[in-house]
C-alpha atoms as a PDB file:
ATOM      1  CA  MET A   1       2.205 -32.730  24.732  1.00  0.00           C
ATOM      2  CA  ARG A   2       6.014 -32.888  24.999  1.00  0.00           C
ATOM      3  CA  ARG A   3       6.349 -29.743  22.902  1.00  0.00           C
ATOM      4  CA  GLY A   4       3.852 -27.964  25.145  1.00  0.00           C
ATOM      5  CA  VAL A   5       5.805 -28.890  28.275  1.00  0.00           C
ATOM      6  CA  ILE A   6       9.032 -27.631  26.684  1.00  0.00           C
ATOM      7  CA  VAL A   7       7.381 -24.360  25.623  1.00  0.00           C
ATOM      8  CA  MET A   8       5.903 -23.734  29.079  1.00  0.00           C
ATOM      9  CA  THR A   9       9.253 -24.520  30.709  1.00  0.00           C
ATOM     10  CA  ILE A  10      10.882 -21.899  28.492  1.00  0.00           C
ATOM     11  CA  LEU A  11       8.103 -19.412  29.284  1.00  0.00           C
ATOM     12  CA  GLY A  12       8.621 -20.094  32.999  1.00  0.00           C
ATOM     13  CA  ILE A  13      12.356 -19.402  32.678  1.00  0.00           C
ATOM     14  CA  LEU A  14      11.636 -16.173  30.767  1.00  0.00           C
ATOM     15  CA  ILE A  15       9.165 -15.039  33.450  1.00  0.00           C
ATOM     16  CA  ILE A  16      11.741 -15.692  36.187  1.00  0.00           C
ATOM     17  CA  GLY A  17      14.351 -13.781  34.162  1.00  0.00           C
ATOM     18  CA  ALA A  18      11.974 -10.841  33.627  1.00  0.00           C
ATOM     19  CA  PHE A  19      11.108 -10.958  37.347  1.00  0.00           C
ATOM     20  CA  ILE A  20      14.791 -10.643  38.280  1.00  0.00           C
ATOM     21  CA  VAL A  21      15.465  -7.844  35.765  1.00  0.00           C
ATOM     22  CA  SER A  22      12.389  -5.968  36.981  1.00  0.00           C
ATOM     23  CA  MET A  23      13.650  -6.123  40.586  1.00  0.00           C
ATOM     24  CA  ASN A  24      16.868  -4.454  39.419  1.00  0.00           C
ATOM     25  CA  THR A  25      15.094  -1.767  37.374  1.00  0.00           C
ATOM     26  CA  GLY A  26      13.951   1.595  38.666  1.00  0.00           C
ATOM     27  CA  TYR A  27      14.955   5.167  39.403  1.00  0.00           C
ATOM     28  CA  ILE A  28      17.106   3.909  42.274  1.00  0.00           C
ATOM     29  CA  ARG A  29      18.994   1.009  40.786  1.00  0.00           C
ATOM     30  CA  LEU A  30      19.716  -2.111  42.803  1.00  0.00           C
ATOM     31  CA  SER A  31      22.444  -4.384  41.487  1.00  0.00           C
ATOM     32  CA  PRO A  32      21.787  -8.143  41.318  1.00  0.00           C
ATOM     33  CA  VAL A  33      24.062  -8.659  44.329  1.00  0.00           C
ATOM     34  CA  GLU A  34      22.160  -6.032  46.337  1.00  0.00           C
ATOM     35  CA  VAL A  35      18.832  -7.629  45.380  1.00  0.00           C
ATOM     36  CA  VAL A  36      20.010 -11.065  46.539  1.00  0.00           C
ATOM     37  CA  LYS A  37      21.348  -9.644  49.806  1.00  0.00           C
ATOM     38  CA  THR A  38      18.095  -7.783  50.422  1.00  0.00           C
ATOM     39  CA  LEU A  39      15.984 -10.875  49.706  1.00  0.00           C
ATOM     40  CA  PHE A  40      17.966 -12.750  52.371  1.00  0.00           C
ATOM     41  CA  GLY A  41      17.642  -9.917  54.895  1.00  0.00           C
ATOM     42  CA  MET A  42      21.166  -8.541  54.514  1.00  0.00           C
ATOM     43  CA  GLY A  43      20.286  -5.300  52.701  1.00  0.00           C
ATOM     44  CA  THR A  44      19.991  -1.811  54.114  1.00  0.00           C
ATOM     45  CA  ASP A  45      16.694  -0.406  55.348  1.00  0.00           C
ATOM     46  CA  LYS A  46      16.463   1.718  52.207  1.00  0.00           C
ATOM     47  CA  GLN A  47      17.043  -1.277  49.925  1.00  0.00           C
ATOM     48  CA  SER A  48      14.470  -3.348  51.850  1.00  0.00           C
ATOM     49  CA  LEU A  49      11.909  -0.555  51.532  1.00  0.00           C
ATOM     50  CA  ILE A  50      12.473  -0.203  47.777  1.00  0.00           C
ATOM     51  CA  LEU A  51      12.367  -3.947  47.076  1.00  0.00           C
ATOM     52  CA  PHE A  52       9.685  -5.241  49.455  1.00  0.00           C
ATOM     53  CA  GLU A  53       7.320  -2.278  49.613  1.00  0.00           C
ATOM     54  CA  PHE A  54       7.499  -0.876  46.066  1.00  0.00           C
ATOM     55  CA  ARG A  55       8.920  -3.269  43.482  1.00  0.00           C
ATOM     56  CA  LEU A  56       7.922  -6.778  44.564  1.00  0.00           C
ATOM     57  CA  PRO A  57       4.193  -6.009  45.039  1.00  0.00           C
ATOM     58  CA  ARG A  58       4.088  -4.339  41.638  1.00  0.00           C
ATOM     59  CA  ILE A  59       5.858  -7.258  39.951  1.00  0.00           C
ATOM     60  CA  VAL A  60       3.565  -9.820  41.611  1.00  0.00           C
ATOM     61  CA  ILE A  61       0.523  -7.802  40.513  1.00  0.00           C
ATOM     62  CA  SER A  62       1.942  -7.717  36.955  1.00  0.00           C
ATOM     63  CA  VAL A  63       2.135 -11.526  36.971  1.00  0.00           C
ATOM     64  CA  LEU A  64      -1.421 -11.889  38.302  1.00  0.00           C
ATOM     65  CA  ILE A  65      -3.130  -9.390  35.996  1.00  0.00           C
ATOM     66  CA  GLY A  66      -1.206 -10.646  32.962  1.00  0.00           C
ATOM     67  CA  ALA A  67      -2.445 -14.182  33.638  1.00  0.00           C
ATOM     68  CA  GLY A  68      -5.980 -13.015  34.406  1.00  0.00           C
ATOM     69  CA  LEU A  69      -6.394 -10.845  31.307  1.00  0.00           C
ATOM     70  CA  ALA A  70      -4.795 -13.374  28.937  1.00  0.00           C
ATOM     71  CA  VAL A  71      -6.896 -16.312  30.164  1.00  0.00           C
ATOM     72  CA  SER A  72     -10.009 -14.118  30.003  1.00  0.00           C
ATOM     73  CA  GLY A  73      -9.184 -13.316  26.379  1.00  0.00           C
ATOM     74  CA  CYS A  74      -8.552 -16.992  25.625  1.00  0.00           C
ATOM     75  CA  ILE A  75     -11.997 -17.910  26.995  1.00  0.00           C
ATOM     76  CA  LEU A  76     -13.724 -15.174  24.996  1.00  0.00           C
ATOM     77  CA  GLN A  77     -11.935 -16.183  21.788  1.00  0.00           C
ATOM     78  CA  GLY A  78     -12.935 -19.795  22.359  1.00  0.00           C
ATOM     79  CA  LEU A  79     -16.573 -19.082  23.188  1.00  0.00           C
ATOM     80  CA  SER A  80     -17.082 -16.652  20.306  1.00  0.00           C
ATOM     81  CA  ARG A  81     -14.809 -18.560  17.910  1.00  0.00           C
ATOM     82  CA  ASN A  82     -13.458 -15.157  16.926  1.00  0.00           C
ATOM     83  CA  ALA A  83      -9.739 -14.403  16.862  1.00  0.00           C
ATOM     84  CA  LEU A  84     -10.336 -10.728  17.704  1.00  0.00           C
ATOM     85  CA  ALA A  85     -12.284 -11.282  20.943  1.00  0.00           C
ATOM     86  CA  ASP A  86     -10.655  -9.634  23.943  1.00  0.00           C
ATOM     87  CA  PRO A  87     -12.047  -8.174  27.221  1.00  0.00           C
ATOM     88  CA  GLY A  88     -10.799  -4.721  26.203  1.00  0.00           C
ATOM     89  CA  ILE A  89     -12.174  -4.757  22.675  1.00  0.00           C
ATOM     90  CA  LEU A  90     -15.517  -6.230  23.819  1.00  0.00           C
ATOM     91  CA  GLY A  91     -16.031  -3.455  26.367  1.00  0.00           C
ATOM     92  CA  ILE A  92     -15.740  -5.610  29.508  1.00  0.00           C
ATOM     93  CA  ASN A  93     -12.746  -3.602  30.744  1.00  0.00           C
ATOM     94  CA  ALA A  94     -14.636  -0.367  30.077  1.00  0.00           C
ATOM     95  CA  GLY A  95     -17.615  -1.591  32.131  1.00  0.00           C
ATOM     96  CA  ALA A  96     -15.320  -2.399  35.044  1.00  0.00           C
ATOM     97  CA  GLY A  97     -13.662   1.000  34.696  1.00  0.00           C
ATOM     98  CA  LEU A  98     -16.960   2.861  34.738  1.00  0.00           C
ATOM     99  CA  MET A  99     -17.963   1.208  38.016  1.00  0.00           C
ATOM    100  CA  VAL A 100     -14.554   1.985  39.542  1.00  0.00           C
ATOM    101  CA  MET A 101     -14.869   5.618  38.427  1.00  0.00           C
ATOM    102  CA  LEU A 102     -18.353   5.976  39.918  1.00  0.00           C
ATOM    103  CA  TYR A 103     -17.064   4.637  43.218  1.00  0.00           C
ATOM    104  CA  ILE A 104     -13.951   6.819  43.506  1.00  0.00           C
ATOM    105  CA  SER A 105     -16.031   9.878  42.631  1.00  0.00           C
ATOM    106  CA  PHE A 106     -17.580   9.581  46.091  1.00  0.00           C
ATOM    107  CA  TYR A 107     -15.110   7.597  48.205  1.00  0.00           C
ATOM    108  CA  PRO A 108     -11.312   7.541  48.723  1.00  0.00           C
ATOM    109  CA  THR A 109      -9.366   4.760  46.987  1.00  0.00           C
ATOM    110  CA  THR A 110      -6.770   4.215  49.697  1.00  0.00           C
ATOM    111  CA  SER A 111      -8.947   2.906  52.545  1.00  0.00           C
ATOM    112  CA  MET A 112      -8.859  -0.825  53.296  1.00  0.00           C
ATOM    113  CA  ARG A 113     -12.568  -1.118  52.492  1.00  0.00           C
ATOM    114  CA  SER A 114     -12.023   0.414  49.053  1.00  0.00           C
ATOM    115  CA  ILE A 115      -9.064  -1.818  48.233  1.00  0.00           C
ATOM    116  CA  PHE A 116     -11.050  -5.031  48.745  1.00  0.00           C
ATOM    117  CA  LEU A 117     -14.292  -3.587  47.395  1.00  0.00           C
ATOM    118  CA  LEU A 118     -12.860  -2.395  44.067  1.00  0.00           C
ATOM    119  CA  PRO A 119     -12.509  -5.897  42.519  1.00  0.00           C
ATOM    120  CA  VAL A 120     -16.112  -6.661  43.497  1.00  0.00           C
ATOM    121  CA  LEU A 121     -17.387  -3.420  41.976  1.00  0.00           C
ATOM    122  CA  ALA A 122     -15.301  -3.968  38.849  1.00  0.00           C
ATOM    123  CA  LEU A 123     -16.792  -7.462  38.578  1.00  0.00           C
ATOM    124  CA  ILE A 124     -20.309  -6.017  38.805  1.00  0.00           C
ATOM    125  CA  GLY A 125     -19.539  -3.420  36.126  1.00  0.00           C
ATOM    126  CA  SER A 126     -17.897  -5.897  33.771  1.00  0.00           C
ATOM    127  CA  GLY A 127     -20.661  -8.442  34.399  1.00  0.00           C
ATOM    128  CA  LEU A 128     -23.436  -5.988  33.544  1.00  0.00           C
ATOM    129  CA  THR A 129     -21.543  -4.939  30.416  1.00  0.00           C
ATOM    130  CA  ALA A 130     -21.002  -8.554  29.337  1.00  0.00           C
ATOM    131  CA  ALA A 131     -24.697  -9.312  29.903  1.00  0.00           C
ATOM    132  CA  LEU A 132     -25.690  -6.299  27.788  1.00  0.00           C
ATOM    133  CA  ILE A 133     -23.355  -7.315  24.957  1.00  0.00           C
ATOM    134  CA  TYR A 134     -24.592 -10.920  25.149  1.00  0.00           C
ATOM    135  CA  VAL A 135     -28.243  -9.874  24.923  1.00  0.00           C
ATOM    136  CA  LEU A 136     -27.664  -7.403  22.073  1.00  0.00           C
ATOM    137  CA  SER A 137     -25.611  -9.837  19.999  1.00  0.00           C
ATOM    138  CA  TYR A 138     -27.827 -12.916  20.533  1.00  0.00           C
ATOM    139  CA  LYS A 139     -30.436 -13.918  17.972  1.00  0.00           C
ATOM    140  CA  ARG A 140     -32.921 -16.731  18.370  1.00  0.00           C
ATOM    141  CA  ASN A 141     -32.182 -19.783  16.210  1.00  0.00           C
ATOM    142  CA  GLU A 142     -28.821 -18.258  15.279  1.00  0.00           C
ATOM    143  CA  GLY A 143     -27.062 -17.919  18.619  1.00  0.00           C
ATOM    144  CA  ILE A 144     -24.164 -15.487  18.807  1.00  0.00           C
ATOM    145  CA  ALA A 145     -22.533 -14.583  15.508  1.00  0.00           C
ATOM    146  CA  PRO A 146     -18.825 -13.796  16.082  1.00  0.00           C
ATOM    147  CA  THR A 147     -18.859 -10.665  13.916  1.00  0.00           C
ATOM    148  CA  ARG A 148     -22.000  -9.320  15.591  1.00  0.00           C
ATOM    149  CA  LEU A 149     -20.457  -9.960  19.012  1.00  0.00           C
ATOM    150  CA  ILE A 150     -17.324  -7.967  18.165  1.00  0.00           C
ATOM    151  CA  LEU A 151     -19.241  -5.053  16.627  1.00  0.00           C
ATOM    152  CA  THR A 152     -21.665  -4.919  19.561  1.00  0.00           C
ATOM    153  CA  GLY A 153     -18.763  -4.962  22.016  1.00  0.00           C
ATOM    154  CA  ILE A 154     -16.964  -2.156  20.203  1.00  0.00           C
ATOM    155  CA  GLY A 155     -20.148  -0.059  20.171  1.00  0.00           C
ATOM    156  CA  VAL A 156     -20.855  -0.609  23.877  1.00  0.00           C
ATOM    157  CA  ALA A 157     -17.206   0.105  24.763  1.00  0.00           C
ATOM    158  CA  ALA A 158     -17.332   3.370  22.811  1.00  0.00           C
ATOM    159  CA  GLY A 159     -20.480   4.471  24.654  1.00  0.00           C
ATOM    160  CA  ILE A 160     -19.032   3.617  28.071  1.00  0.00           C
ATOM    161  CA  SER A 161     -15.750   5.365  27.241  1.00  0.00           C
ATOM    162  CA  ALA A 162     -17.662   8.520  26.283  1.00  0.00           C
ATOM    163  CA  ALA A 163     -19.561   8.396  29.590  1.00  0.00           C
ATOM    164  CA  MET A 164     -16.274   7.986  31.470  1.00  0.00           C
ATOM    165  CA  ILE A 165     -14.784  11.055  29.770  1.00  0.00           C
ATOM    166  CA  VAL A 166     -17.808  13.142  30.776  1.00  0.00           C
ATOM    167  CA  LEU A 167     -17.560  11.925  34.379  1.00  0.00           C
ATOM    168  CA  THR A 168     -13.803  12.533  34.450  1.00  0.00           C
ATOM    169  CA  LEU A 169     -14.307  16.214  33.621  1.00  0.00           C
ATOM    170  CA  LYS A 170     -16.434  16.609  36.761  1.00  0.00           C
ATOM    171  CA  LEU A 171     -13.848  15.171  39.174  1.00  0.00           C
ATOM    172  CA  ASP A 172     -11.752  17.301  41.506  1.00  0.00           C
ATOM    173  CA  PRO A 173      -8.040  17.678  40.522  1.00  0.00           C
ATOM    174  CA  GLN A 174      -6.747  14.906  42.802  1.00  0.00           C
ATOM    175  CA  LYS A 175      -9.274  12.323  41.637  1.00  0.00           C
ATOM    176  CA  TYR A 176      -8.898  13.498  38.037  1.00  0.00           C
ATOM    177  CA  GLN A 177      -5.164  12.765  38.241  1.00  0.00           C
ATOM    178  CA  PHE A 178      -5.909   9.296  39.585  1.00  0.00           C
ATOM    179  CA  MET A 179      -8.422   8.541  36.828  1.00  0.00           C
ATOM    180  CA  ALA A 180      -6.095   9.844  34.120  1.00  0.00           C
ATOM    181  CA  THR A 181      -3.427   7.449  35.418  1.00  0.00           C
ATOM    182  CA  TRP A 182      -5.961   4.624  35.651  1.00  0.00           C
ATOM    183  CA  LEU A 183      -7.262   5.124  32.109  1.00  0.00           C
ATOM    184  CA  ALA A 184      -3.710   5.093  30.735  1.00  0.00           C
ATOM    185  CA  GLY A 185      -3.246   1.612  32.180  1.00  0.00           C
ATOM    186  CA  SER A 186      -0.786   2.316  34.973  1.00  0.00           C
ATOM    187  CA  ILE A 187      -0.448  -0.377  37.639  1.00  0.00           C
ATOM    188  CA  TRP A 188      -1.532   1.943  40.426  1.00  0.00           C
ATOM    189  CA  GLY A 189      -2.375  -0.656  43.081  1.00  0.00           C
ATOM    190  CA  SER A 190       1.266  -1.437  43.824  1.00  0.00           C
ATOM    191  CA  ASN A 191       1.302  -2.604  47.431  1.00  0.00           C
ATOM    192  CA  TRP A 192       0.662  -5.885  49.225  1.00  0.00           C
ATOM    193  CA  LYS A 193      -2.910  -4.923  50.138  1.00  0.00           C
ATOM    194  CA  PHE A 194      -3.830  -4.893  46.451  1.00  0.00           C
ATOM    195  CA  VAL A 195      -2.041  -8.218  45.942  1.00  0.00           C
ATOM    196  CA  LEU A 196      -4.215  -9.719  48.701  1.00  0.00           C
ATOM    197  CA  ALA A 197      -7.345  -8.182  47.153  1.00  0.00           C
ATOM    198  CA  LEU A 198      -6.607  -9.638  43.711  1.00  0.00           C
ATOM    199  CA  LEU A 199      -5.078 -12.990  44.668  1.00  0.00           C
ATOM    200  CA  PRO A 200      -8.291 -14.834  45.723  1.00  0.00           C
ATOM    201  CA  TRP A 201      -9.962 -14.098  42.381  1.00  0.00           C
ATOM    202  CA  ILE A 202      -7.010 -15.433  40.395  1.00  0.00           C
ATOM    203  CA  VAL A 203      -6.429 -18.443  42.669  1.00  0.00           C
ATOM    204  CA  VAL A 204     -10.086 -19.524  42.476  1.00  0.00           C
ATOM    205  CA  LEU A 205     -10.956 -18.730  38.855  1.00  0.00           C
ATOM    206  CA  LEU A 206      -7.801 -19.905  37.034  1.00  0.00           C
ATOM    207  CA  PRO A 207      -7.959 -23.516  38.327  1.00  0.00           C
ATOM    208  CA  TYR A 208     -11.683 -23.602  37.510  1.00  0.00           C
ATOM    209  CA  VAL A 209     -11.022 -22.501  33.920  1.00  0.00           C
ATOM    210  CA  PHE A 210      -8.149 -24.996  33.547  1.00  0.00           C
ATOM    211  CA  TYR A 211     -10.514 -27.709  34.810  1.00  0.00           C
ATOM    212  CA  LYS A 212     -12.975 -26.752  32.046  1.00  0.00           C
ATOM    213  CA  ALA A 213     -10.366 -27.078  29.278  1.00  0.00           C
ATOM    214  CA  GLN A 214     -11.949 -30.208  27.813  1.00  0.00           C
ATOM    215  CA  VAL A 215     -15.373 -28.522  27.799  1.00  0.00           C
ATOM    216  CA  MET A 216     -13.897 -25.630  25.805  1.00  0.00           C
ATOM    217  CA  ASN A 217     -12.442 -28.096  23.305  1.00  0.00           C
ATOM    218  CA  VAL A 218     -15.916 -29.589  22.836  1.00  0.00           C
ATOM    219  CA  LEU A 219     -17.577 -26.150  22.507  1.00  0.00           C
ATOM    220  CA  ASN A 220     -15.114 -25.296  19.724  1.00  0.00           C
ATOM    221  CA  LEU A 221     -16.593 -28.140  17.664  1.00  0.00           C
ATOM    222  CA  GLY A 222     -19.811 -26.156  17.271  1.00  0.00           C
ATOM    223  CA  GLU A 223     -23.068 -25.931  19.182  1.00  0.00           C
ATOM    224  CA  ASN A 224     -24.793 -28.870  17.505  1.00  0.00           C
ATOM    225  CA  THR A 225     -21.822 -31.219  17.894  1.00  0.00           C
ATOM    226  CA  ALA A 226     -21.278 -30.192  21.522  1.00  0.00           C
ATOM    227  CA  THR A 227     -24.947 -30.818  22.310  1.00  0.00           C
ATOM    228  CA  GLY A 228     -24.753 -34.199  20.580  1.00  0.00           C
ATOM    229  CA  LEU A 229     -21.790 -35.128  22.802  1.00  0.00           C
ATOM    230  CA  GLY A 230     -23.891 -34.437  25.899  1.00  0.00           C
ATOM    231  CA  THR A 231     -22.600 -30.989  26.797  1.00  0.00           C
ATOM    232  CA  SER A 232     -25.008 -28.455  28.290  1.00  0.00           C
ATOM    233  CA  VAL A 233     -23.898 -25.704  25.915  1.00  0.00           C
ATOM    234  CA  GLU A 234     -25.717 -22.686  27.366  1.00  0.00           C
ATOM    235  CA  LYS A 235     -24.870 -23.573  30.958  1.00  0.00           C
ATOM    236  CA  GLU A 236     -21.180 -24.141  30.240  1.00  0.00           C
ATOM    237  CA  ARG A 237     -20.987 -21.039  28.062  1.00  0.00           C
ATOM    238  CA  LEU A 238     -22.485 -18.836  30.777  1.00  0.00           C
ATOM    239  CA  LEU A 239     -20.216 -20.287  33.494  1.00  0.00           C
ATOM    240  CA  LEU A 240     -17.113 -19.769  31.382  1.00  0.00           C
ATOM    241  CA  LEU A 241     -18.253 -16.272  30.409  1.00  0.00           C
ATOM    242  CA  ALA A 242     -18.718 -15.472  34.110  1.00  0.00           C
ATOM    243  CA  ALA A 243     -15.179 -16.719  34.810  1.00  0.00           C
ATOM    244  CA  ALA A 244     -13.789 -14.575  31.974  1.00  0.00           C
ATOM    245  CA  VAL A 245     -15.637 -11.528  33.300  1.00  0.00           C
ATOM    246  CA  GLY A 246     -14.396 -12.208  36.844  1.00  0.00           C
ATOM    247  CA  LEU A 247     -10.774 -12.513  35.723  1.00  0.00           C
ATOM    248  CA  ALA A 248     -10.917  -9.372  33.580  1.00  0.00           C
ATOM    249  CA  GLY A 249     -12.883  -7.269  36.071  1.00  0.00           C
ATOM    250  CA  SER A 250     -10.723  -8.085  39.101  1.00  0.00           C
ATOM    251  CA  SER A 251      -7.523  -7.494  37.086  1.00  0.00           C
ATOM    252  CA  VAL A 252      -8.726  -4.168  35.710  1.00  0.00           C
ATOM    253  CA  ALA A 253      -9.637  -2.989  39.230  1.00  0.00           C
ATOM    254  CA  VAL A 254      -5.952  -2.848  40.228  1.00  0.00           C
ATOM    255  CA  SER A 255      -4.246  -2.415  36.871  1.00  0.00           C
ATOM    256  CA  GLY A 256      -6.309   0.251  35.134  1.00  0.00           C
ATOM    257  CA  GLY A 257      -7.242   0.148  31.483  1.00  0.00           C
ATOM    258  CA  ILE A 258      -4.546  -2.172  30.120  1.00  0.00           C
ATOM    259  CA  GLY A 259      -5.722  -3.424  26.745  1.00  0.00           C
ATOM    260  CA  PHE A 260      -4.546  -5.988  24.186  1.00  0.00           C
ATOM    261  CA  VAL A 261      -3.117  -8.468  26.758  1.00  0.00           C
ATOM    262  CA  GLY A 262      -6.203 -10.653  26.292  1.00  0.00           C
ATOM    263  CA  LEU A 263      -5.707 -10.472  22.524  1.00  0.00           C
ATOM    264  CA  ILE A 264      -1.948 -10.998  22.199  1.00  0.00           C
ATOM    265  CA  GLY A 265      -1.414 -13.557  24.987  1.00  0.00           C
ATOM    266  CA  PRO A 266      -3.741 -16.285  23.627  1.00  0.00           C
ATOM    267  CA  HIS A 267      -2.583 -15.730  20.046  1.00  0.00           C
ATOM    268  CA  LEU A 268       1.083 -16.148  20.902  1.00  0.00           C
ATOM    269  CA  ALA A 269       0.260 -19.152  23.082  1.00  0.00           C
ATOM    270  CA  ARG A 270      -1.772 -20.754  20.278  1.00  0.00           C
ATOM    271  CA  ARG A 271       1.173 -20.407  17.912  1.00  0.00           C
ATOM    272  CA  LEU A 272       3.451 -22.015  20.486  1.00  0.00           C
ATOM    273  CA  VAL A 273       1.374 -24.936  21.829  1.00  0.00           C
ATOM    274  CA  GLY A 274      -1.558 -25.352  19.429  1.00  0.00           C
ATOM    275  CA  PRO A 275      -5.345 -25.092  19.913  1.00  0.00           C
ATOM    276  CA  LYS A 276      -5.956 -27.694  22.653  1.00  0.00           C
ATOM    277  CA  HIS A 277      -7.086 -25.810  25.752  1.00  0.00           C
ATOM    278  CA  GLN A 278      -5.332 -28.159  28.193  1.00  0.00           C
ATOM    279  CA  LEU A 279      -2.098 -26.509  27.036  1.00  0.00           C
ATOM    280  CA  LEU A 280      -3.457 -23.291  25.550  1.00  0.00           C
ATOM    281  CA  LEU A 281      -4.978 -21.921  28.774  1.00  0.00           C
ATOM    282  CA  PRO A 282      -1.871 -22.248  31.003  1.00  0.00           C
ATOM    283  CA  ALA A 283       0.365 -21.109  28.130  1.00  0.00           C
ATOM    284  CA  SER A 284      -1.861 -18.040  27.682  1.00  0.00           C
ATOM    285  CA  ALA A 285      -1.558 -17.257  31.400  1.00  0.00           C
ATOM    286  CA  MET A 286       2.232 -17.458  31.235  1.00  0.00           C
ATOM    287  CA  THR A 287       2.447 -15.441  28.013  1.00  0.00           C
ATOM    288  CA  GLY A 288       0.216 -12.728  29.460  1.00  0.00           C
ATOM    289  CA  SER A 289       2.263 -12.546  32.657  1.00  0.00           C
ATOM    290  CA  LEU A 290       5.495 -12.275  30.675  1.00  0.00           C
ATOM    291  CA  LEU A 291       4.038  -9.546  28.450  1.00  0.00           C
ATOM    292  CA  VAL A 292       2.860  -7.377  31.364  1.00  0.00           C
ATOM    293  CA  ILE A 293       6.096  -7.783  33.367  1.00  0.00           C
ATOM    294  CA  VAL A 294       8.206  -6.820  30.351  1.00  0.00           C
ATOM    295  CA  ALA A 295       5.920  -3.879  29.466  1.00  0.00           C
ATOM    296  CA  ASP A 296       5.947  -2.587  33.050  1.00  0.00           C
ATOM    297  CA  THR A 297       9.731  -2.904  33.282  1.00  0.00           C
ATOM    298  CA  ILE A 298      10.200  -1.039  29.990  1.00  0.00           C
ATOM    299  CA  GLY A 299       7.788   1.667  31.142  1.00  0.00           C
ATOM    300  CA  ARG A 300       9.739   2.201  34.371  1.00  0.00           C
ATOM    301  CA  TRP A 301      13.140   2.133  32.659  1.00  0.00           C
ATOM    302  CA  LEU A 302      12.659   4.075  29.423  1.00  0.00           C
ATOM    303  CA  MET A 303      12.074   7.620  30.701  1.00  0.00           C
ATOM    304  CA  GLN A 304      13.554   7.690  34.198  1.00  0.00           C
ATOM    305  CA  PRO A 305      12.801   9.342  36.611  1.00  0.00           C
ATOM    306  CA  SER A 306       9.319   9.476  35.013  1.00  0.00           C
ATOM    307  CA  GLU A 307       7.569   6.337  33.832  1.00  0.00           C
ATOM    308  CA  ILE A 308       5.356   5.356  30.917  1.00  0.00           C
ATOM    309  CA  PRO A 309       2.091   3.638  31.939  1.00  0.00           C
ATOM    310  CA  THR A 310       2.169  -0.100  31.277  1.00  0.00           C
ATOM    311  CA  GLY A 311      -1.009   0.140  29.196  1.00  0.00           C
ATOM    312  CA  ILE A 312       0.667   2.489  26.733  1.00  0.00           C
ATOM    313  CA  VAL A 313       3.650   0.150  26.281  1.00  0.00           C
ATOM    314  CA  VAL A 314       1.313  -2.811  25.720  1.00  0.00           C
ATOM    315  CA  ALA A 315      -0.750  -0.732  23.264  1.00  0.00           C
ATOM    316  CA  VAL A 316       2.375   0.118  21.241  1.00  0.00           C
ATOM    317  CA  ILE A 317       2.891  -3.633  20.840  1.00  0.00           C
ATOM    318  CA  GLY A 318      -0.764  -4.629  20.604  1.00  0.00           C
ATOM    319  CA  ALA A 319      -2.175  -2.088  18.141  1.00  0.00           C
ATOM    320  CA  PRO A 320       0.051  -3.179  15.203  1.00  0.00           C
ATOM    321  CA  TYR A 321      -0.670  -6.819  16.038  1.00  0.00           C
ATOM    322  CA  PHE A 322      -4.408  -6.115  16.047  1.00  0.00           C
ATOM    323  CA  LEU A 323      -4.130  -4.512  12.592  1.00  0.00           C
ATOM    324  CA  TYR A 324      -2.095  -7.495  11.419  1.00  0.00           C
ATOM    325  CA  LEU A 325      -4.877  -9.850  12.542  1.00  0.00           C
ATOM    326  CA  LEU A 326      -7.484  -7.724  10.774  1.00  0.00           C
ATOM    327  CA  THR A 327      -5.430  -7.912   7.558  1.00  0.00           C
ATOM    328  CA  LYS A 328      -5.178 -11.691   7.822  1.00  0.00           C
ATOM    329  CA  MET A 329      -8.932 -12.032   8.376  1.00  0.00           C
ATOM    330  CA  LYS A 330      -9.695  -9.948   5.266  1.00  0.00           C
ATOM    331  CA  ALA A 331      -7.348 -12.116   3.290  1.00  0.00           C
END
């Protein structure tokens, strides 16, 4: 427990450091002194506009979606007992994206109604996708085999991605540009309205999942053992799956198709604090937040005045790590 507290304290310090660096990073550079002055209301109008209207909302969203995606991945890895489970790999992100695409094909994405409706629609899309994967990978008297779950998820994700490409080709130029940015994993919802749309989902679902940490520990012992200890396995599994879908869907609605956060975050956290979910879940949230903030900052800094979508930066890190995990599993 002491080691876990130390690790999370260090992660907290790193997140604060990345937060500060990210505030200083951009096409128009603000020095640390200028950032501090602006935070205390002593900056120019231009500096206030840059910091409060463009950078801070984006950084806060990075923290929220990083935590949401990483905890979602941690839940899926625990429920499936598969180290490769992740909302992106299992197709949950793709399901959310398809619903978002169908909506923006007919309605603008900048109206207040759309901003607060997008997380709900993404939740519906990711929920339907998760239900489909669950049904296809479930076998009576066997339950859900981890390998079958992963393969089913990959197949469903591939089908949804193909449908999204077909739909993208039929969009007008303006909406096509938006969807291309969304699919690349750019944090497009970078204003306070999107923060307010995402915040309730994270604030409600994360404490619920943390509260269920002991239940996840019991479920990891196996279905028969968990049932013998008095746990309602199917009920708890479905509730936790719904929480994972809600976290992933709402995050994807404002962040686009950022993958691998739900895979890398829990793995790094597990190496740092161990397998007990009382520490693993909050450590995963912090690791995911740190990963997305750093990736977004690198994306904005590397090719100024242009920027690299956050999803691409995360993929550059995540793809080799995914292959590394596959190699270890074969071994």
